[in-house]
C-alpha atoms as a PDB file:
ATOM      1  CA  MET A   1      82.517 103.582 102.867  1.00  0.00           C
ATOM      2  CA  SER A   2      85.944 101.993 102.399  1.00  0.00           C
ATOM      3  CA  ALA A   3      88.389 101.988 105.281  1.00  0.00           C
ATOM      4  CA  ALA A   4      91.308 104.389 104.974  1.00  0.00           C
ATOM      5  CA  PRO A   5      94.639 104.562 106.830  1.00  0.00           C
ATOM      6  CA  LYS A   6      95.260 107.228 109.442  1.00  0.00           C
ATOM      7  CA  PRO A   7      97.548 110.119 108.427  1.00  0.00           C
ATOM      8  CA  GLU A   8     100.548 108.748 110.336  1.00  0.00           C
ATOM      9  CA  ILE A   9     100.248 105.359 108.613  1.00  0.00           C
ATOM     10  CA  LEU A  10      99.904 107.000 105.225  1.00  0.00           C
ATOM     11  CA  ALA A  11     102.953 109.157 105.956  1.00  0.00           C
ATOM     12  CA  ALA A  12     104.985 106.064 106.889  1.00  0.00           C
ATOM     13  CA  PHE A  13     103.872 104.368 103.662  1.00  0.00           C
ATOM     14  CA  GLU A  14     104.880 107.331 101.528  1.00  0.00           C
ATOM     15  CA  ALA A  15     108.247 107.618 103.295  1.00  0.00           C
ATOM     16  CA  ALA A  16     109.124 103.948 102.813  1.00  0.00           C
ATOM     17  CA  LYS A  17     111.317 102.634 100.002  1.00  0.00           C
ATOM     18  CA  GLY A  18     109.254 100.846  97.378  1.00  0.00           C
ATOM     19  CA  PHE A  19     107.206 101.129  94.211  1.00  0.00           C
ATOM     20  CA  MET A  20     103.489 101.042  95.070  1.00  0.00           C
ATOM     21  CA  PRO A  21     101.743 104.341  94.242  1.00  0.00           C
ATOM     22  CA  LEU A  22      99.282 105.977  96.616  1.00  0.00           C
ATOM     23  CA  GLY A  23      96.108 105.020  94.764  1.00  0.00           C
ATOM     24  CA  GLU A  24      96.984 101.333  94.798  1.00  0.00           C
ATOM     25  CA  GLY A  25      98.019 101.609  98.435  1.00  0.00           C
ATOM     26  CA  LEU A  26      94.628 102.973  99.441  1.00  0.00           C
ATOM     27  CA  ALA A  27      92.911 100.155  97.529  1.00  0.00           C
ATOM     28  CA  LEU A  28      95.161  97.617  99.256  1.00  0.00           C
ATOM     29  CA  TYR A  29      94.309  99.037 102.674  1.00  0.00           C
ATOM     30  CA  ALA A  30      90.570  98.983 101.989  1.00  0.00           C
ATOM     31  CA  ALA A  31      90.752  95.372 100.808  1.00  0.00           C
ATOM     32  CA  ALA A  32      92.869  94.341 103.803  1.00  0.00           C
ATOM     33  CA  ALA A  33      90.448  95.987 106.234  1.00  0.00           C
ATOM     34  CA  GLU A  34      87.531  94.175 104.607  1.00  0.00           C
ATOM     35  CA  ALA A  35      89.269  90.796 104.542  1.00  0.00           C
ATOM     36  CA  ALA A  36      90.441  91.147 108.149  1.00  0.00           C
ATOM     37  CA  ALA A  37      86.792  90.989 109.234  1.00  0.00           C
ATOM     38  CA  LEU A  38      86.938  87.252 108.489  1.00  0.00           C
ATOM     39  CA  GLY A  39      89.206  86.899 111.528  1.00  0.00           C
ATOM     40  CA  LEU A  40      91.939  85.150 109.546  1.00  0.00           C
ATOM     41  CA  PRO A  41      95.577  86.112 108.842  1.00  0.00           C
ATOM     42  CA  LEU A  42      96.500  88.361 105.915  1.00  0.00           C
ATOM     43  CA  LEU A  43      99.499  87.324 103.800  1.00  0.00           C
ATOM     44  CA  GLU A  44     101.680  89.312 101.421  1.00  0.00           C
ATOM     45  CA  VAL A  45     103.990  87.542  98.964  1.00  0.00           C
ATOM     46  CA  GLY A  46     106.830  89.913  98.091  1.00  0.00           C
ATOM     47  CA  THR A  47     107.924  92.164 100.949  1.00  0.00           C
ATOM     48  CA  TYR A  48     110.824  94.083  99.377  1.00  0.00           C
ATOM     49  CA  CYS A  49     111.426  96.926 101.879  1.00  0.00           C
ATOM     50  CA  GLY A  50     108.005  96.900 103.527  1.00  0.00           C
ATOM     51  CA  ARG A  51     106.184  99.799 101.874  1.00  0.00           C
ATOM     52  CA  SER A  52     102.930  97.900 101.269  1.00  0.00           C
ATOM     53  CA  THR A  53     103.443  95.836 104.421  1.00  0.00           C
ATOM     54  CA  ILE A  54     102.763  98.961 106.472  1.00  0.00           C
ATOM     55  CA  LEU A  55      99.227  99.150 105.128  1.00  0.00           C
ATOM     56  CA  LEU A  56      98.564  95.431 105.464  1.00  0.00           C
ATOM     57  CA  ALA A  57      99.893  95.419 109.025  1.00  0.00           C
ATOM     58  CA  ASP A  58      97.873  98.394 110.189  1.00  0.00           C
ATOM     59  CA  ALA A  59      94.646  96.961 108.772  1.00  0.00           C
ATOM     60  CA  ALA A  60      95.421  93.673 110.521  1.00  0.00           C
ATOM     61  CA  ARG A  61      96.243  95.471 113.776  1.00  0.00           C
ATOM     62  CA  GLN A  62      92.930  97.323 113.719  1.00  0.00           C
ATOM     63  CA  ALA A  63      91.048  94.022 113.355  1.00  0.00           C
ATOM     64  CA  GLY A  64      93.157  92.008 115.792  1.00  0.00           C
ATOM     65  CA  VAL A  65      94.419  89.517 113.203  1.00  0.00           C
ATOM     66  CA  SER A  66      97.946  88.627 112.075  1.00  0.00           C
ATOM     67  CA  ALA A  67      99.776  90.156 109.116  1.00  0.00           C
ATOM     68  CA  LEU A  68     102.396  87.987 107.451  1.00  0.00           C
ATOM     69  CA  THR A  69     104.820  88.983 104.738  1.00  0.00           C
ATOM     70  CA  LEU A  70     106.994  86.577 102.763  1.00  0.00           C
ATOM     71  CA  ASP A  71     110.221  87.237 100.866  1.00  0.00           C
ATOM     72  CA  HIS A  72     113.684  85.742 100.406  1.00  0.00           C
ATOM     73  CA  HIS A  73     114.977  89.350 100.492  1.00  0.00           C
ATOM     74  CA  ARG A  74     117.519  88.761  97.726  1.00  0.00           C
ATOM     75  CA  GLY A  75     115.515  90.824  95.238  1.00  0.00           C
ATOM     76  CA  SER A  76     113.487  89.811  92.219  1.00  0.00           C
ATOM     77  CA  GLU A  77     114.823  89.705  88.675  1.00  0.00           C
ATOM     78  CA  GLU A  78     114.337  93.365  87.809  1.00  0.00           C
ATOM     79  CA  GLN A  79     116.035  94.512  91.027  1.00  0.00           C
ATOM     80  CA  GLN A  80     119.404  92.903  90.333  1.00  0.00           C
ATOM     81  CA  PRO A  81     122.497  94.980  89.408  1.00  0.00           C
ATOM     82  CA  GLY A  82     122.321  96.336  85.891  1.00  0.00           C
ATOM     83  CA  TRP A  83     118.530  96.532  85.748  1.00  0.00           C
ATOM     84  CA  ASP A  84     116.224  99.535  86.004  1.00  0.00           C
ATOM     85  CA  TYR A  85     114.809  98.760  89.444  1.00  0.00           C
ATOM     86  CA  HIS A  86     118.148  98.073  91.138  1.00  0.00           C
ATOM     87  CA  ASP A  87     118.915 100.083  94.278  1.00  0.00           C
ATOM     88  CA  PRO A  88     122.603  99.891  95.315  1.00  0.00           C
ATOM     89  CA  GLU A  89     121.631 100.759  98.907  1.00  0.00           C
ATOM     90  CA  THR A  90     120.022  97.319  99.253  1.00  0.00           C
ATOM     91  CA  VAL A  91     123.243  95.410  98.515  1.00  0.00           C
ATOM     92  CA  ASP A  92     124.944  93.710 101.472  1.00  0.00           C
ATOM     93  CA  PRO A  93     128.622  94.737 101.142  1.00  0.00           C
ATOM     94  CA  VAL A  94     129.796  91.644 103.002  1.00  0.00           C
ATOM     95  CA  VAL A  95     128.212  89.007 100.740  1.00  0.00           C
ATOM     96  CA  GLY A  96     127.841  91.186  97.637  1.00  0.00           C
ATOM     97  CA  ARG A  97     124.167  90.326  97.142  1.00  0.00           C
ATOM     98  CA  MET A  98     120.936  92.171  97.708  1.00  0.00           C
ATOM     99  CA  ASP A  99     119.473  91.958 101.194  1.00  0.00           C
ATOM    100  CA  THR A 100     116.347  94.021 101.768  1.00  0.00           C
ATOM    101  CA  LEU A 101     115.635  92.513 105.201  1.00  0.00           C
ATOM    102  CA  PRO A 102     117.490  95.216 107.214  1.00  0.00           C
ATOM    103  CA  THR A 103     115.682  98.002 105.337  1.00  0.00           C
ATOM    104  CA  PHE A 104     112.366  96.213 105.857  1.00  0.00           C
ATOM    105  CA  ARG A 105     112.976  96.011 109.594  1.00  0.00           C
ATOM    106  CA  ARG A 106     113.821  99.701 109.757  1.00  0.00           C
ATOM    107  CA  THR A 107     110.630 100.463 107.825  1.00  0.00           C
ATOM    108  CA  LEU A 108     108.483  98.587 110.346  1.00  0.00           C
ATOM    109  CA  HIS A 109     110.295 100.170 113.270  1.00  0.00           C
ATOM    110  CA  ALA A 110     109.752 103.679 111.907  1.00  0.00           C
ATOM    111  CA  ALA A 111     106.051 102.930 111.421  1.00  0.00           C
ATOM    112  CA  GLY A 112     105.641 101.472 114.910  1.00  0.00           C
ATOM    113  CA  LEU A 113     104.489  98.139 113.499  1.00  0.00           C
ATOM    114  CA  GLU A 114     107.245  95.713 114.466  1.00  0.00           C
ATOM    115  CA  ASP A 115     104.988  93.845 116.872  1.00  0.00           C
ATOM    116  CA  HIS A 116     102.201  93.434 114.334  1.00  0.00           C
ATOM    117  CA  VAL A 117     103.986  91.674 111.479  1.00  0.00           C
ATOM    118  CA  ILE A 118     105.299  88.130 111.135  1.00  0.00           C
ATOM    119  CA  ALA A 119     108.135  88.129 108.622  1.00  0.00           C
ATOM    120  CA  LEU A 120     108.579  84.873 106.729  1.00  0.00           C
ATOM    121  CA  VAL A 121     112.043  84.707 105.180  1.00  0.00           C
ATOM    122  CA  GLY A 122     112.334  82.070 102.483  1.00  0.00           C
ATOM    123  CA  ARG A 123     111.297  80.997  98.999  1.00  0.00           C
ATOM    124  CA  SER A 124     107.588  81.221  98.320  1.00  0.00           C
ATOM    125  CA  PRO A 125     107.031  77.621  97.077  1.00  0.00           C
ATOM    126  CA  GLN A 126     108.920  76.152 100.041  1.00  0.00           C
ATOM    127  CA  VAL A 127     106.940  78.157 102.590  1.00  0.00           C
ATOM    128  CA  ALA A 128     103.637  77.481 100.831  1.00  0.00           C
ATOM    129  CA  ALA A 129     104.360  73.753 100.914  1.00  0.00           C
ATOM    130  CA  VAL A 130     104.404  73.737 104.726  1.00  0.00           C
ATOM    131  CA  TRP A 131     101.619  76.278 105.284  1.00  0.00           C
ATOM    132  CA  GLY A 132      98.476  74.640 106.620  1.00  0.00           C
ATOM    133  CA  GLY A 133      95.831  77.225 107.496  1.00  0.00           C
ATOM    134  CA  PRO A 134      93.230  79.367 105.728  1.00  0.00           C
ATOM    135  CA  LEU A 135      93.933  83.017 104.960  1.00  0.00           C
ATOM    136  CA  GLY A 136      91.576  85.963 104.738  1.00  0.00           C
ATOM    137  CA  LEU A 137      93.730  87.673 102.127  1.00  0.00           C
ATOM    138  CA  VAL A 138      96.609  86.735  99.860  1.00  0.00           C
ATOM    139  CA  PHE A 139      98.436  89.601  98.121  1.00  0.00           C
ATOM    140  CA  ILE A 140     100.658  88.359  95.267  1.00  0.00           C
ATOM    141  CA  ASP A 141     103.431  90.867  94.597  1.00  0.00           C
ATOM    142  CA  GLY A 142     106.511  88.723  94.107  1.00  0.00           C
ATOM    143  CA  GLY A 143     108.612  87.795  91.076  1.00  0.00           C
ATOM    144  CA  HIS A 144     107.361  88.831  87.634  1.00  0.00           C
ATOM    145  CA  THR A 145     108.435  85.835  85.568  1.00  0.00           C
ATOM    146  CA  ASP A 146     105.786  83.298  84.610  1.00  0.00           C
ATOM    147  CA  GLU A 147     107.617  80.715  86.724  1.00  0.00           C
ATOM    148  CA  HIS A 148     107.529  82.771  89.905  1.00  0.00           C
ATOM    149  CA  ALA A 149     104.093  84.336  89.499  1.00  0.00           C
ATOM    150  CA  THR A 150     102.567  80.939  88.713  1.00  0.00           C
ATOM    151  CA  ALA A 151     104.290  79.353  91.706  1.00  0.00           C
ATOM    152  CA  ASP A 152     102.978  82.110  93.982  1.00  0.00           C
ATOM    153  CA  TYR A 153      99.454  81.599  92.676  1.00  0.00           C
ATOM    154  CA  GLU A 154      99.530  77.805  92.848  1.00  0.00           C
ATOM    155  CA  GLY A 155     101.148  77.852  96.273  1.00  0.00           C
ATOM    156  CA  TRP A 156      98.950  80.432  97.981  1.00  0.00           C
ATOM    157  CA  ALA A 157      95.612  80.838  96.184  1.00  0.00           C
ATOM    158  CA  PRO A 158      94.375  77.478  97.568  1.00  0.00           C
ATOM    159  CA  HIS A 159      94.651  78.941 101.084  1.00  0.00           C
ATOM    160  CA  VAL A 160      92.279  81.857 100.421  1.00  0.00           C
ATOM    161  CA  ALA A 161      89.179  81.161 102.516  1.00  0.00           C
ATOM    162  CA  GLU A 162      85.635  81.289 101.175  1.00  0.00           C
ATOM    163  CA  GLY A 163      84.760  84.973 100.895  1.00  0.00           C
ATOM    164  CA  GLY A 164      88.423  85.912 101.272  1.00  0.00           C
ATOM    165  CA  LEU A 165      90.341  88.129  98.889  1.00  0.00           C
ATOM    166  CA  LEU A 166      93.095  87.442  96.366  1.00  0.00           C
ATOM    167  CA  LEU A 167      95.032  90.553  95.324  1.00  0.00           C
ATOM    168  CA  ILE A 168      97.389  90.585  92.350  1.00  0.00           C
ATOM    169  CA  HIS A 169      99.762  93.498  91.758  1.00  0.00           C
ATOM    170  CA  ASP A 170     101.373  94.713  88.539  1.00  0.00           C
ATOM    171  CA  VAL A 171      98.615  93.450  86.253  1.00  0.00           C
ATOM    172  CA  PHE A 172      99.300  94.967  82.822  1.00  0.00           C
ATOM    173  CA  PRO A 173      97.073  93.713  79.968  1.00  0.00           C
ATOM    174  CA  VAL A 174      99.464  95.392  77.512  1.00  0.00           C
ATOM    175  CA  LYS A 175     103.189  94.786  77.941  1.00  0.00           C
ATOM    176  CA  ILE A 176     104.993  97.960  79.007  1.00  0.00           C
ATOM    177  CA  ASP A 177     108.564  96.725  79.346  1.00  0.00           C
ATOM    178  CA  GLU A 178     110.544  93.581  80.020  1.00  0.00           C
ATOM    179  CA  TRP A 179     110.049  93.665  83.772  1.00  0.00           C
ATOM    180  CA  THR A 180     106.550  94.958  84.363  1.00  0.00           C
ATOM    181  CA  GLY A 181     105.810  92.084  82.003  1.00  0.00           C
ATOM    182  CA  GLN A 182     102.625  90.091  81.837  1.00  0.00           C
ATOM    183  CA  ALA A 183     103.121  87.168  84.227  1.00  0.00           C
ATOM    184  CA  PRO A 184     100.826  88.737  86.872  1.00  0.00           C
ATOM    185  CA  TYR A 185      98.261  89.387  84.124  1.00  0.00           C
ATOM    186  CA  HIS A 186      98.370  85.722  83.126  1.00  0.00           C
ATOM    187  CA  VAL A 187      97.810  84.704  86.742  1.00  0.00           C
ATOM    188  CA  TYR A 188      94.916  87.159  87.007  1.00  0.00           C
ATOM    189  CA  LEU A 189      93.268  85.647  83.905  1.00  0.00           C
ATOM    190  CA  ARG A 190      93.814  82.154  85.244  1.00  0.00           C
ATOM    191  CA  ALA A 191      92.123  83.079  88.533  1.00  0.00           C
ATOM    192  CA  LEU A 192      89.075  84.447  86.730  1.00  0.00           C
ATOM    193  CA  GLU A 193      88.880  81.511  84.330  1.00  0.00           C
ATOM    194  CA  SER A 194      89.057  79.030  87.218  1.00  0.00           C
ATOM    195  CA  GLY A 195      85.574  79.998  88.370  1.00  0.00           C
ATOM    196  CA  ALA A 196      86.938  80.156  91.917  1.00  0.00           C
ATOM    197  CA  PHE A 197      87.399  83.935  91.981  1.00  0.00           C
ATOM    198  CA  THR A 198      85.273  86.924  91.024  1.00  0.00           C
ATOM    199  CA  GLU A 199      86.737  90.369  90.401  1.00  0.00           C
ATOM    200  CA  VAL A 200      85.828  93.007  92.986  1.00  0.00           C
ATOM    201  CA  SER A 201      87.831  96.015  91.852  1.00  0.00           C
ATOM    202  CA  ALA A 202      90.690  97.282  89.703  1.00  0.00           C
ATOM    203  CA  THR A 203      92.878 100.220  90.736  1.00  0.00           C
ATOM    204  CA  GLU A 204      95.696 101.011  88.330  1.00  0.00           C
ATOM    205  CA  SER A 205      97.667  97.731  88.230  1.00  0.00           C
ATOM    206  CA  LEU A 206      96.082  96.230  91.377  1.00  0.00           C
ATOM    207  CA  ARG A 207      93.302  93.652  90.998  1.00  0.00           C
ATOM    208  CA  VAL A 208      91.117  92.516  93.893  1.00  0.00           C
ATOM    209  CA  LEU A 209      89.265  89.207  93.557  1.00  0.00           C
ATOM    210  CA  ARG A 210      87.002  87.358  95.987  1.00  0.00           C
ATOM    211  CA  ARG A 211      86.828  83.612  96.422  1.00  0.00           C
ATOM    212  CA  THR A 212      83.338  82.624  95.360  1.00  0.00           C
ATOM    213  CA  GLY A 213      84.002  79.026  94.335  1.00  0.00           C
ATOM    214  CA  THR A 214      86.308  76.086  94.964  1.00  0.00           C
ATOM    215  CA  GLY A 215      89.701  75.266  93.477  1.00  0.00           C
ATOM    216  CA  ILE A 216      92.186  77.490  91.650  1.00  0.00           C
END
């Protein structure tokens, strides 16, 4: 039976600002709980305001491992002013740019998870370049251009340990609009074609793959 979050964690998830629907959230939690059994850190690429981080962090807390979440907190392409996913509340009035870090911190505080998350603030390729250890889970949920999705995959997939899980969000085999796009789908296909990963499950736009071979 798959692990499921407690009611208070689920309530915090549903109250948090973000885009992940409940079904995908439950699949994320189950995968995180399974991967945490490896005793290695769990990493999310693309924090936004911390909605999915709540689930990752609680699964990590239950297993006694670290949860890490990485974002530059300036928003991805589709979240900029003038686009459908823009939220004016995330704009820093002083610098005039998006800054989701304060909202993220409030999200963790409200969920009681501040002490169970390591927030990495920076650009994904730069952080990946200095990261040295294996990971039990990598959840790719960052930028949706081919450039950014590919960089996330190339930077972080090599760190997924044998038997660990690679999760890719917003996988749409058929293009829906300009921003849901197909870059995550291309990365998903690349992972399967590499022979290094085998698909475990698909829930709406979330794909869960397990490392069963070497390379990327």
